[in-house]
PDB file of all heavy atoms in Angstrom:
ATOM      1  N   VAL A   1     -10.338   6.345  -0.096  1.00  0.00           N
ATOM      2  CA  VAL A   1     -10.871   7.678   0.228  1.00  0.00           C
ATOM      3  C   VAL A   1     -11.668   8.225  -0.961  1.00  0.00           C
ATOM      4  O   VAL A   1     -12.781   8.735  -0.793  1.00  0.00           O
ATOM      5  CB  VAL A   1      -9.747   8.642   0.650  1.00  0.00           C
ATOM      6  CG1 VAL A   1     -10.240  10.084   0.716  1.00  0.00           C
ATOM      7  CG2 VAL A   1      -9.156   8.221   1.993  1.00  0.00           C
ATOM      8  N   LYS A   2     -11.120   8.094  -2.162  1.00  0.00           N
ATOM      9  CA  LYS A   2     -11.814   8.584  -3.355  1.00  0.00           C
ATOM     10  C   LYS A   2     -13.110   7.820  -3.608  1.00  0.00           C
ATOM     11  O   LYS A   2     -14.134   8.403  -3.932  1.00  0.00           O
ATOM     12  CB  LYS A   2     -10.904   8.474  -4.584  1.00  0.00           C
ATOM     13  CG  LYS A   2      -9.835   9.522  -4.630  1.00  0.00           C
ATOM     14  CD  LYS A   2      -8.956   9.342  -5.847  1.00  0.00           C
ATOM     15  CE  LYS A   2      -7.795  10.326  -5.790  1.00  0.00           C
ATOM     16  NZ  LYS A   2      -6.780  10.038  -6.803  1.00  0.00           N
ATOM     17  N   GLU A   3     -13.055   6.502  -3.471  1.00  0.00           N
ATOM     18  CA  GLU A   3     -14.219   5.666  -3.772  1.00  0.00           C
ATOM     19  C   GLU A   3     -15.306   5.773  -2.702  1.00  0.00           C
ATOM     20  O   GLU A   3     -16.490   5.878  -3.015  1.00  0.00           O
ATOM     21  CB  GLU A   3     -13.781   4.208  -3.908  1.00  0.00           C
ATOM     22  CG  GLU A   3     -14.922   3.268  -4.226  1.00  0.00           C
ATOM     23  CD  GLU A   3     -14.461   1.819  -4.278  1.00  0.00           C
ATOM     24  OE1 GLU A   3     -13.312   1.569  -4.666  1.00  0.00           O
ATOM     25  OE2 GLU A   3     -15.275   0.949  -3.928  1.00  0.00           O
ATOM     26  N   LEU A   4     -14.914   5.734  -1.436  1.00  0.00           N
ATOM     27  CA  LEU A   4     -15.885   5.665  -0.345  1.00  0.00           C
ATOM     28  C   LEU A   4     -16.334   7.022   0.184  1.00  0.00           C
ATOM     29  O   LEU A   4     -17.363   7.112   0.848  1.00  0.00           O
ATOM     30  CB  LEU A   4     -15.301   4.835   0.808  1.00  0.00           C
ATOM     31  CG  LEU A   4     -14.910   3.406   0.448  1.00  0.00           C
ATOM     32  CD1 LEU A   4     -14.126   2.765   1.590  1.00  0.00           C
ATOM     33  CD2 LEU A   4     -16.138   2.586   0.097  1.00  0.00           C
ATOM     34  N   ARG A   5     -15.550   8.051  -0.052  1.00  0.00           N
ATOM     35  CA  ARG A   5     -15.847   9.395   0.458  1.00  0.00           C
ATOM     36  C   ARG A   5     -16.245   9.351   1.938  1.00  0.00           C
ATOM     37  O   ARG A   5     -17.367   9.732   2.311  1.00  0.00           O
ATOM     38  CB  ARG A   5     -16.940  10.060  -0.366  1.00  0.00           C
ATOM     39  CG  ARG A   5     -16.583  10.243  -1.832  1.00  0.00           C
ATOM     40  CD  ARG A   5     -17.648  11.087  -2.510  1.00  0.00           C
ATOM     41  NE  ARG A   5     -17.330  11.498  -3.820  1.00  0.00           N
ATOM     42  CZ  ARG A   5     -16.416  12.398  -4.190  1.00  0.00           C
ATOM     43  NH1 ARG A   5     -15.669  12.954  -3.287  1.00  0.00           N
ATOM     44  NH2 ARG A   5     -16.237  12.734  -5.447  1.00  0.00           N
ATOM     45  N   PRO A   6     -15.328   8.884   2.785  1.00  0.00           N
ATOM     46  CA  PRO A   6     -15.661   8.717   4.205  1.00  0.00           C
ATOM     47  C   PRO A   6     -15.861  10.050   4.922  1.00  0.00           C
ATOM     48  O   PRO A   6     -15.309  11.081   4.529  1.00  0.00           O
ATOM     49  CB  PRO A   6     -14.427   7.995   4.756  1.00  0.00           C
ATOM     50  CG  PRO A   6     -13.322   8.408   3.852  1.00  0.00           C
ATOM     51  CD  PRO A   6     -13.950   8.546   2.487  1.00  0.00           C
ATOM     52  N   SER A   7     -16.646  10.008   5.983  1.00  0.00           N
ATOM     53  CA  SER A   7     -16.842  11.195   6.820  1.00  0.00           C
ATOM     54  C   SER A   7     -15.649  11.404   7.742  1.00  0.00           C
ATOM     55  O   SER A   7     -15.382  12.526   8.175  1.00  0.00           O
ATOM     56  CB  SER A   7     -18.114  11.042   7.662  1.00  0.00           C
ATOM     57  OG  SER A   7     -17.995   9.898   8.507  1.00  0.00           O
ATOM     58  N   ALA A   8     -14.936  10.316   8.024  1.00  0.00           N
ATOM     59  CA  ALA A   8     -13.750  10.381   8.873  1.00  0.00           C
ATOM     60  C   ALA A   8     -12.817   9.242   8.489  1.00  0.00           C
ATOM     61  O   ALA A   8     -13.267   8.188   8.041  1.00  0.00           O
ATOM     62  CB  ALA A   8     -14.134  10.269  10.346  1.00  0.00           C
ATOM     63  N   VAL A   9     -11.533   9.478   8.677  1.00  0.00           N
ATOM     64  CA  VAL A   9     -10.525   8.444   8.463  1.00  0.00           C
ATOM     65  C   VAL A   9      -9.737   8.318   9.759  1.00  0.00           C
ATOM     66  O   VAL A   9      -9.123   9.285  10.209  1.00  0.00           O
ATOM     67  CB  VAL A   9      -9.573   8.788   7.291  1.00  0.00           C
ATOM     68  CG1 VAL A   9      -8.478   7.734   7.166  1.00  0.00           C
ATOM     69  CG2 VAL A   9     -10.353   8.919   5.988  1.00  0.00           C
ATOM     70  N   ARG A  10      -9.799   7.137  10.360  1.00  0.00           N
ATOM     71  CA  ARG A  10      -9.040   6.845  11.580  1.00  0.00           C
ATOM     72  C   ARG A  10      -7.816   6.042  11.203  1.00  0.00           C
ATOM     73  O   ARG A  10      -7.939   4.936  10.683  1.00  0.00           O
ATOM     74  CB  ARG A  10      -9.867   5.992  12.541  1.00  0.00           C
ATOM     75  CG  ARG A  10     -10.876   6.727  13.296  1.00  0.00           C
ATOM     76  CD  ARG A  10     -11.460   5.796  14.379  1.00  0.00           C
ATOM     77  NE  ARG A  10     -12.779   6.289  14.656  1.00  0.00           N
ATOM     78  CZ  ARG A  10     -13.870   5.560  14.708  1.00  0.00           C
ATOM     79  NH1 ARG A  10     -13.813   4.257  14.554  1.00  0.00           N
ATOM     80  NH2 ARG A  10     -15.027   6.106  14.941  1.00  0.00           N
ATOM     81  N   ILE A  11      -6.679   6.593  11.482  1.00  0.00           N
ATOM     82  CA  ILE A  11      -5.427   5.884  11.238  1.00  0.00           C
ATOM     83  C   ILE A  11      -4.993   5.300  12.581  1.00  0.00           C
ATOM     84  O   ILE A  11      -4.753   6.033  13.535  1.00  0.00           O
ATOM     85  CB  ILE A  11      -4.360   6.829  10.666  1.00  0.00           C
ATOM     86  CG1 ILE A  11      -4.867   7.428   9.351  1.00  0.00           C
ATOM     87  CG2 ILE A  11      -3.039   6.089  10.476  1.00  0.00           C
ATOM     88  CD1 ILE A  11      -4.051   8.575   8.825  1.00  0.00           C
ATOM     89  N   LEU A  12      -4.940   3.972  12.642  1.00  0.00           N
ATOM     90  CA  LEU A  12      -4.609   3.297  13.888  1.00  0.00           C
ATOM     91  C   LEU A  12      -3.135   2.913  13.885  1.00  0.00           C
ATOM     92  O   LEU A  12      -2.667   2.227  12.975  1.00  0.00           O
ATOM     93  CB  LEU A  12      -5.459   2.044  14.074  1.00  0.00           C
ATOM     94  CG  LEU A  12      -6.976   2.211  13.968  1.00  0.00           C
ATOM     95  CD1 LEU A  12      -7.669   0.908  14.328  1.00  0.00           C
ATOM     96  CD2 LEU A  12      -7.469   3.348  14.838  1.00  0.00           C
ATOM     97  N   SER A  13      -2.434   3.341  14.902  1.00  0.00           N
ATOM     98  CA  SER A  13      -1.031   3.005  15.066  1.00  0.00           C
ATOM     99  C   SER A  13      -0.913   1.911  16.110  1.00  0.00           C
ATOM    100  O   SER A  13      -1.130   2.146  17.296  1.00  0.00           O
ATOM    101  CB  SER A  13      -0.232   4.240  15.504  1.00  0.00           C
ATOM    102  OG  SER A  13       1.117   3.885  15.724  1.00  0.00           O
ATOM    103  N   MET A  14      -0.556   0.709  15.657  1.00  0.00           N
ATOM    104  CA  MET A  14      -0.455  -0.423  16.573  1.00  0.00           C
ATOM    105  C   MET A  14       0.937  -0.537  17.190  1.00  0.00           C
ATOM    106  O   MET A  14       1.154  -1.370  18.059  1.00  0.00           O
ATOM    107  CB  MET A  14      -0.881  -1.697  15.865  1.00  0.00           C
ATOM    108  CG  MET A  14      -2.378  -1.654  15.546  1.00  0.00           C
ATOM    109  SD  MET A  14      -3.026  -3.068  14.649  1.00  0.00           S
ATOM    110  CE  MET A  14      -2.890  -4.370  15.859  1.00  0.00           C
ATOM    111  N   GLN A  15       1.854   0.300  16.742  1.00  0.00           N
ATOM    112  CA  GLN A  15       3.168   0.422  17.375  1.00  0.00           C
ATOM    113  C   GLN A  15       3.450   1.922  17.548  1.00  0.00           C
ATOM    114  O   GLN A  15       4.389   2.465  16.964  1.00  0.00           O
ATOM    115  CB  GLN A  15       4.250  -0.248  16.531  1.00  0.00           C
ATOM    116  CG  GLN A  15       4.135  -1.758  16.519  1.00  0.00           C
ATOM    117  CD  GLN A  15       5.265  -2.408  15.775  1.00  0.00           C
ATOM    118  OE1 GLN A  15       5.463  -2.168  14.586  1.00  0.00           O
ATOM    119  NE2 GLN A  15       6.016  -3.245  16.475  1.00  0.00           N
ATOM    120  N   PRO A  16       2.637   2.576  18.356  1.00  0.00           N
ATOM    121  CA  PRO A  16       2.693   4.041  18.434  1.00  0.00           C
ATOM    122  C   PRO A  16       3.960   4.611  19.050  1.00  0.00           C
ATOM    123  O   PRO A  16       4.223   5.806  18.911  1.00  0.00           O
ATOM    124  CB  PRO A  16       1.470   4.384  19.296  1.00  0.00           C
ATOM    125  CG  PRO A  16       1.217   3.171  20.110  1.00  0.00           C
ATOM    126  CD  PRO A  16       1.615   2.011  19.231  1.00  0.00           C
ATOM    127  N   ASP A  17       4.776   3.790  19.688  1.00  0.00           N
ATOM    128  CA  ASP A  17       5.996   4.295  20.301  1.00  0.00           C
ATOM    129  C   ASP A  17       7.194   4.250  19.368  1.00  0.00           C
ATOM    130  O   ASP A  17       8.280   4.696  19.740  1.00  0.00           O
ATOM    131  CB  ASP A  17       6.294   3.510  21.590  1.00  0.00           C
ATOM    132  CG  ASP A  17       5.167   3.647  22.603  1.00  0.00           C
ATOM    133  OD1 ASP A  17       4.597   4.758  22.705  1.00  0.00           O
ATOM    134  OD2 ASP A  17       4.835   2.647  23.262  1.00  0.00           O
ATOM    135  N   PHE A  18       7.003   3.759  18.161  1.00  0.00           N
ATOM    136  CA  PHE A  18       8.086   3.686  17.189  1.00  0.00           C
ATOM    137  C   PHE A  18       8.041   4.901  16.268  1.00  0.00           C
ATOM    138  O   PHE A  18       7.013   5.184  15.631  1.00  0.00           O
ATOM    139  CB  PHE A  18       7.989   2.398  16.359  1.00  0.00           C
ATOM    140  CG  PHE A  18       8.379   1.172  17.126  1.00  0.00           C
ATOM    141  CD1 PHE A  18       7.477   0.560  17.983  1.00  0.00           C
ATOM    142  CD2 PHE A  18       9.651   0.640  17.006  1.00  0.00           C
ATOM    143  CE1 PHE A  18       7.834  -0.569  18.698  1.00  0.00           C
ATOM    144  CE2 PHE A  18      10.015  -0.488  17.721  1.00  0.00           C
ATOM    145  CZ  PHE A  18       9.108  -1.102  18.573  1.00  0.00           C
ATOM    146  N   VAL A  19       9.159   5.583  16.173  1.00  0.00           N
ATOM    147  CA  VAL A  19       9.251   6.809  15.369  1.00  0.00           C
ATOM    148  C   VAL A  19       8.899   6.540  13.910  1.00  0.00           C
ATOM    149  O   VAL A  19       8.203   7.344  13.277  1.00  0.00           O
ATOM    150  CB  VAL A  19      10.668   7.431  15.483  1.00  0.00           C
ATOM    151  CG1 VAL A  19      10.846   8.591  14.521  1.00  0.00           C
ATOM    152  CG2 VAL A  19      10.938   7.860  16.912  1.00  0.00           C
ATOM    153  N   GLU A  20       9.333   5.394  13.381  1.00  0.00           N
ATOM    154  CA  GLU A  20       9.043   5.077  11.973  1.00  0.00           C
ATOM    155  C   GLU A  20       7.546   4.991  11.734  1.00  0.00           C
ATOM    156  O   GLU A  20       7.043   5.471  10.719  1.00  0.00           O
ATOM    157  CB  GLU A  20       9.706   3.746  11.570  1.00  0.00           C
ATOM    158  CG  GLU A  20      11.209   3.746  11.635  1.00  0.00           C
ATOM    159  CD  GLU A  20      11.742   3.333  13.018  1.00  0.00           C
ATOM    160  OE1 GLU A  20      10.942   3.186  13.977  1.00  0.00           O
ATOM    161  OE2 GLU A  20      12.964   3.167  13.131  1.00  0.00           O
ATOM    162  N   GLU A  21       6.819   4.378  12.670  1.00  0.00           N
ATOM    163  CA  GLU A  21       5.376   4.275  12.497  1.00  0.00           C
ATOM    164  C   GLU A  21       4.707   5.632  12.692  1.00  0.00           C
ATOM    165  O   GLU A  21       3.735   5.950  12.003  1.00  0.00           O
ATOM    166  CB  GLU A  21       4.764   3.238  13.438  1.00  0.00           C
ATOM    167  CG  GLU A  21       3.286   3.041  13.132  1.00  0.00           C
ATOM    168  CD  GLU A  21       2.763   1.674  13.479  1.00  0.00           C
ATOM    169  OE1 GLU A  21       3.347   0.677  13.004  1.00  0.00           O
ATOM    170  OE2 GLU A  21       1.769   1.598  14.202  1.00  0.00           O
ATOM    171  N   GLN A  22       5.209   6.435  13.590  1.00  0.00           N
ATOM    172  CA  GLN A  22       4.668   7.783  13.772  1.00  0.00           C
ATOM    173  C   GLN A  22       4.778   8.567  12.458  1.00  0.00           C
ATOM    174  O   GLN A  22       3.841   9.263  12.071  1.00  0.00           O
ATOM    175  CB  GLN A  22       5.410   8.515  14.889  1.00  0.00           C
ATOM    176  CG  GLN A  22       5.155   7.946  16.262  1.00  0.00           C
ATOM    177  CD  GLN A  22       6.092   8.517  17.322  1.00  0.00           C
ATOM    178  OE1 GLN A  22       6.859   9.440  17.071  1.00  0.00           O
ATOM    179  NE2 GLN A  22       6.020   7.957  18.525  1.00  0.00           N
ATOM    180  N   ARG A  23       5.908   8.413  11.792  1.00  0.00           N
ATOM    181  CA  ARG A  23       6.105   9.109  10.506  1.00  0.00           C
ATOM    182  C   ARG A  23       5.129   8.625   9.443  1.00  0.00           C
ATOM    183  O   ARG A  23       4.550   9.428   8.709  1.00  0.00           O
ATOM    184  CB  ARG A  23       7.544   8.919  10.019  1.00  0.00           C
ATOM    185  CG  ARG A  23       8.542   9.715  10.790  1.00  0.00           C
ATOM    186  CD  ARG A  23       9.927   9.576  10.180  1.00  0.00           C
ATOM    187  NE  ARG A  23      10.900  10.187  11.061  1.00  0.00           N
ATOM    188  CZ  ARG A  23      12.032   9.638  11.436  1.00  0.00           C
ATOM    189  NH1 ARG A  23      12.372   8.437  10.977  1.00  0.00           N
ATOM    190  NH2 ARG A  23      12.861  10.251  12.242  1.00  0.00           N
ATOM    191  N   VAL A  24       4.958   7.307   9.360  1.00  0.00           N
ATOM    192  CA  VAL A  24       4.028   6.748   8.366  1.00  0.00           C
ATOM    193  C   VAL A  24       2.619   7.244   8.636  1.00  0.00           C
ATOM    194  O   VAL A  24       1.912   7.682   7.718  1.00  0.00           O
ATOM    195  CB  VAL A  24       4.084   5.201   8.363  1.00  0.00           C
ATOM    196  CG1 VAL A  24       2.922   4.608   7.592  1.00  0.00           C
ATOM    197  CG2 VAL A  24       5.399   4.714   7.787  1.00  0.00           C
ATOM    198  N   CYS A  25       2.213   7.221   9.894  1.00  0.00           N
ATOM    199  CA  CYS A  25       0.853   7.667  10.251  1.00  0.00           C
ATOM    200  C   CYS A  25       0.666   9.154   9.954  1.00  0.00           C
ATOM    201  O   CYS A  25      -0.371   9.559   9.412  1.00  0.00           O
ATOM    202  CB  CYS A  25       0.560   7.376  11.716  1.00  0.00           C
ATOM    203  SG  CYS A  25       0.400   5.611  12.076  1.00  0.00           S
ATOM    204  N   ALA A  26       1.662   9.965  10.283  1.00  0.00           N
ATOM    205  CA  ALA A  26       1.581  11.406  10.018  1.00  0.00           C
ATOM    206  C   ALA A  26       1.526  11.674   8.520  1.00  0.00           C
ATOM    207  O   ALA A  26       0.756  12.535   8.067  1.00  0.00           O
ATOM    208  CB  ALA A  26       2.768  12.129  10.654  1.00  0.00           C
ATOM    209  N   SER A  27       2.296  10.932   7.750  1.00  0.00           N
ATOM    210  CA  SER A  27       2.296  11.097   6.298  1.00  0.00           C
ATOM    211  C   SER A  27       0.938  10.714   5.705  1.00  0.00           C
ATOM    212  O   SER A  27       0.406  11.424   4.838  1.00  0.00           O
ATOM    213  CB  SER A  27       3.403  10.252   5.683  1.00  0.00           C
ATOM    214  OG  SER A  27       3.368  10.308   4.284  1.00  0.00           O
ATOM    215  N   LEU A  28       0.371   9.616   6.173  1.00  0.00           N
ATOM    216  CA  LEU A  28      -0.952   9.214   5.697  1.00  0.00           C
ATOM    217  C   LEU A  28      -1.999  10.256   6.056  1.00  0.00           C
ATOM    218  O   LEU A  28      -2.843  10.612   5.226  1.00  0.00           O
ATOM    219  CB  LEU A  28      -1.354   7.860   6.292  1.00  0.00           C
ATOM    220  CG  LEU A  28      -0.762   6.623   5.648  1.00  0.00           C
ATOM    221  CD1 LEU A  28      -1.035   5.393   6.505  1.00  0.00           C
ATOM    222  CD2 LEU A  28      -1.309   6.424   4.248  1.00  0.00           C
ATOM    223  N   ALA A  29      -1.943  10.751   7.292  1.00  0.00           N
ATOM    224  CA  ALA A  29      -2.913  11.766   7.733  1.00  0.00           C
ATOM    225  C   ALA A  29      -2.796  13.012   6.864  1.00  0.00           C
ATOM    226  O   ALA A  29      -3.815  13.579   6.440  1.00  0.00           O
ATOM    227  CB  ALA A  29      -2.701  12.108   9.201  1.00  0.00           C
ATOM    228  N   ALA A  30      -1.587  13.422   6.572  1.00  0.00           N
ATOM    229  CA  ALA A  30      -1.384  14.610   5.733  1.00  0.00           C
ATOM    230  C   ALA A  30      -1.915  14.379   4.325  1.00  0.00           C
ATOM    231  O   ALA A  30      -2.508  15.285   3.721  1.00  0.00           O
ATOM    232  CB  ALA A  30       0.091  14.978   5.700  1.00  0.00           C
ATOM    233  N   SER A  31      -1.746  13.173   3.805  1.00  0.00           N
ATOM    234  CA  SER A  31      -2.202  12.896   2.441  1.00  0.00           C
ATOM    235  C   SER A  31      -3.726  12.829   2.347  1.00  0.00           C
ATOM    236  O   SER A  31      -4.297  13.115   1.305  1.00  0.00           O
ATOM    237  CB  SER A  31      -1.586  11.591   1.915  1.00  0.00           C
ATOM    238  OG  SER A  31      -2.170  10.469   2.517  1.00  0.00           O
ATOM    239  N   VAL A  32      -4.392  12.462   3.444  1.00  0.00           N
ATOM    240  CA  VAL A  32      -5.856  12.365   3.460  1.00  0.00           C
ATOM    241  C   VAL A  32      -6.481  13.730   3.732  1.00  0.00           C
ATOM    242  O   VAL A  32      -7.516  14.074   3.168  1.00  0.00           O
ATOM    243  CB  VAL A  32      -6.322  11.313   4.494  1.00  0.00           C
ATOM    244  CG1 VAL A  32      -7.820  11.379   4.694  1.00  0.00           C
ATOM    245  CG2 VAL A  32      -5.896   9.922   4.058  1.00  0.00           C
ATOM    246  N   GLY A  33      -5.883  14.497   4.617  1.00  0.00           N
ATOM    247  CA  GLY A  33      -6.414  15.824   4.924  1.00  0.00           C
ATOM    248  C   GLY A  33      -7.101  15.893   6.276  1.00  0.00           C
ATOM    249  O   GLY A  33      -6.916  15.036   7.141  1.00  0.00           O
ATOM    250  N   SER A  34      -7.935  16.889   6.444  1.00  0.00           N
ATOM    251  CA  SER A  34      -8.500  17.222   7.751  1.00  0.00           C
ATOM    252  C   SER A  34      -9.459  16.181   8.328  1.00  0.00           C
ATOM    253  O   SER A  34      -9.749  16.212   9.522  1.00  0.00           O
ATOM    254  CB  SER A  34      -9.214  18.573   7.681  1.00  0.00           C
ATOM    255  OG  SER A  34     -10.303  18.497   6.787  1.00  0.00           O
ATOM    256  N   ILE A  35      -9.934  15.255   7.522  1.00  0.00           N
ATOM    257  CA  ILE A  35     -10.836  14.227   8.064  1.00  0.00           C
ATOM    258  C   ILE A  35     -10.065  13.084   8.728  1.00  0.00           C
ATOM    259  O   ILE A  35     -10.664  12.192   9.314  1.00  0.00           O
ATOM    260  CB  ILE A  35     -11.790  13.658   6.986  1.00  0.00           C
ATOM    261  CG1 ILE A  35     -11.015  12.976   5.861  1.00  0.00           C
ATOM    262  CG2 ILE A  35     -12.738  14.725   6.481  1.00  0.00           C
ATOM    263  CD1 ILE A  35     -11.885  12.179   4.906  1.00  0.00           C
ATOM    264  N   ALA A  36      -8.731  13.122   8.666  1.00  0.00           N
ATOM    265  CA  ALA A  36      -7.905  12.043   9.210  1.00  0.00           C
ATOM    266  C   ALA A  36      -7.418  12.365  10.617  1.00  0.00           C
ATOM    267  O   ALA A  36      -7.006  13.493  10.904  1.00  0.00           O
ATOM    268  CB  ALA A  36      -6.707  11.796   8.308  1.00  0.00           C
ATOM    269  N   THR A  37      -7.480  11.367  11.471  1.00  0.00           N
ATOM    270  CA  THR A  37      -6.921  11.456  12.823  1.00  0.00           C
ATOM    271  C   THR A  37      -6.122  10.187  13.091  1.00  0.00           C
ATOM    272  O   THR A  37      -6.426   9.121  12.561  1.00  0.00           O
ATOM    273  CB  THR A  37      -8.022  11.596  13.888  1.00  0.00           C
ATOM    274  OG1 THR A  37      -8.971  10.534  13.728  1.00  0.00           O
ATOM    275  CG2 THR A  37      -8.739  12.939  13.781  1.00  0.00           C
ATOM    276  N   VAL A  38      -5.083  10.333  13.907  1.00  0.00           N
ATOM    277  CA  VAL A  38      -4.218   9.199  14.260  1.00  0.00           C
ATOM    278  C   VAL A  38      -4.533   8.782  15.691  1.00  0.00           C
ATOM    279  O   VAL A  38      -4.645   9.627  16.586  1.00  0.00           O
ATOM    280  CB  VAL A  38      -2.733   9.568  14.118  1.00  0.00           C
ATOM    281  CG1 VAL A  38      -1.847   8.408  14.548  1.00  0.00           C
ATOM    282  CG2 VAL A  38      -2.409   9.981  12.676  1.00  0.00           C
ATOM    283  N   HIS A  39      -4.681   7.479  15.892  1.00  0.00           N
ATOM    284  CA  HIS A  39      -5.040   6.933  17.199  1.00  0.00           C
ATOM    285  C   HIS A  39      -4.053   5.833  17.597  1.00  0.00           C
ATOM    286  O   HIS A  39      -3.922   4.849  16.865  1.00  0.00           O
ATOM    287  CB  HIS A  39      -6.450   6.330  17.168  1.00  0.00           C
ATOM    288  CG  HIS A  39      -7.484   7.297  16.736  1.00  0.00           C
ATOM    289  ND1 HIS A  39      -8.201   8.052  17.628  1.00  0.00           N
ATOM    290  CD2 HIS A  39      -7.907   7.657  15.486  1.00  0.00           C
ATOM    291  CE1 HIS A  39      -9.028   8.832  16.954  1.00  0.00           C
ATOM    292  NE2 HIS A  39      -8.872   8.610  15.660  1.00  0.00           N
ATOM    293  N   PRO A  40      -3.395   5.975  18.749  1.00  0.00           N
ATOM    294  CA  PRO A  40      -2.554   4.875  19.224  1.00  0.00           C
ATOM    295  C   PRO A  40      -3.434   3.724  19.708  1.00  0.00           C
ATOM    296  O   PRO A  40      -4.471   3.945  20.332  1.00  0.00           O
ATOM    297  CB  PRO A  40      -1.776   5.494  20.385  1.00  0.00           C
ATOM    298  CG  PRO A  40      -2.613   6.630  20.857  1.00  0.00           C
ATOM    299  CD  PRO A  40      -3.382   7.115  19.654  1.00  0.00           C
ATOM    300  N   VAL A  41      -3.039   2.509  19.382  1.00  0.00           N
ATOM    301  CA  VAL A  41      -3.776   1.325  19.805  1.00  0.00           C
ATOM    302  C   VAL A  41      -2.795   0.400  20.508  1.00  0.00           C
ATOM    303  O   VAL A  41      -1.820  -0.045  19.908  1.00  0.00           O
ATOM    304  CB  VAL A  41      -4.427   0.605  18.598  1.00  0.00           C
ATOM    305  CG1 VAL A  41      -5.045  -0.711  19.016  1.00  0.00           C
ATOM    306  CG2 VAL A  41      -5.458   1.503  17.946  1.00  0.00           C
ATOM    307  N   ARG A  42      -3.064   0.144  21.772  1.00  0.00           N
ATOM    308  CA  ARG A  42      -2.140  -0.670  22.565  1.00  0.00           C
ATOM    309  C   ARG A  42      -2.772  -1.944  23.116  1.00  0.00           C
ATOM    310  O   ARG A  42      -2.130  -2.684  23.842  1.00  0.00           O
ATOM    311  CB  ARG A  42      -1.585   0.161  23.708  1.00  0.00           C
ATOM    312  CG  ARG A  42      -0.645   1.252  23.245  1.00  0.00           C
ATOM    313  CD  ARG A  42       0.026   1.950  24.418  1.00  0.00           C
ATOM    314  NE  ARG A  42       1.120   2.788  23.978  1.00  0.00           N
ATOM    315  CZ  ARG A  42       0.984   4.047  23.576  1.00  0.00           C
ATOM    316  NH1 ARG A  42      -0.211   4.598  23.557  1.00  0.00           N
ATOM    317  NH2 ARG A  42       2.024   4.739  23.192  1.00  0.00           N
ATOM    318  N   SER A  43      -4.020  -2.182  22.775  1.00  0.00           N
ATOM    319  CA  SER A  43      -4.675  -3.391  23.294  1.00  0.00           C
ATOM    320  C   SER A  43      -5.710  -3.891  22.292  1.00  0.00           C
ATOM    321  O   SER A  43      -6.174  -3.156  21.419  1.00  0.00           O
ATOM    322  CB  SER A  43      -5.353  -3.104  24.629  1.00  0.00           C
ATOM    323  OG  SER A  43      -6.497  -2.293  24.448  1.00  0.00           O
ATOM    324  N   LEU A  44      -6.070  -5.134  22.474  1.00  0.00           N
ATOM    325  CA  LEU A  44      -7.108  -5.746  21.652  1.00  0.00           C
ATOM    326  C   LEU A  44      -8.446  -5.035  21.850  1.00  0.00           C
ATOM    327  O   LEU A  44      -9.205  -4.842  20.902  1.00  0.00           O
ATOM    328  CB  LEU A  44      -7.230  -7.223  22.027  1.00  0.00           C
ATOM    329  CG  LEU A  44      -7.977  -8.127  21.085  1.00  0.00           C
ATOM    330  CD1 LEU A  44      -7.330  -8.141  19.714  1.00  0.00           C
ATOM    331  CD2 LEU A  44      -8.010  -9.533  21.657  1.00  0.00           C
TER     332      LEU A  44
END
């Protein structure tokens, strides 16, 4: 994030139904800030 200065950060959750992964994704989104969004991914 510091090096690339992205316009958006997409956090992809490949196991979105697991509470542990939901927590990790939410924590990452909070650490990145308002440019971060979490997206469940259930298929190739």
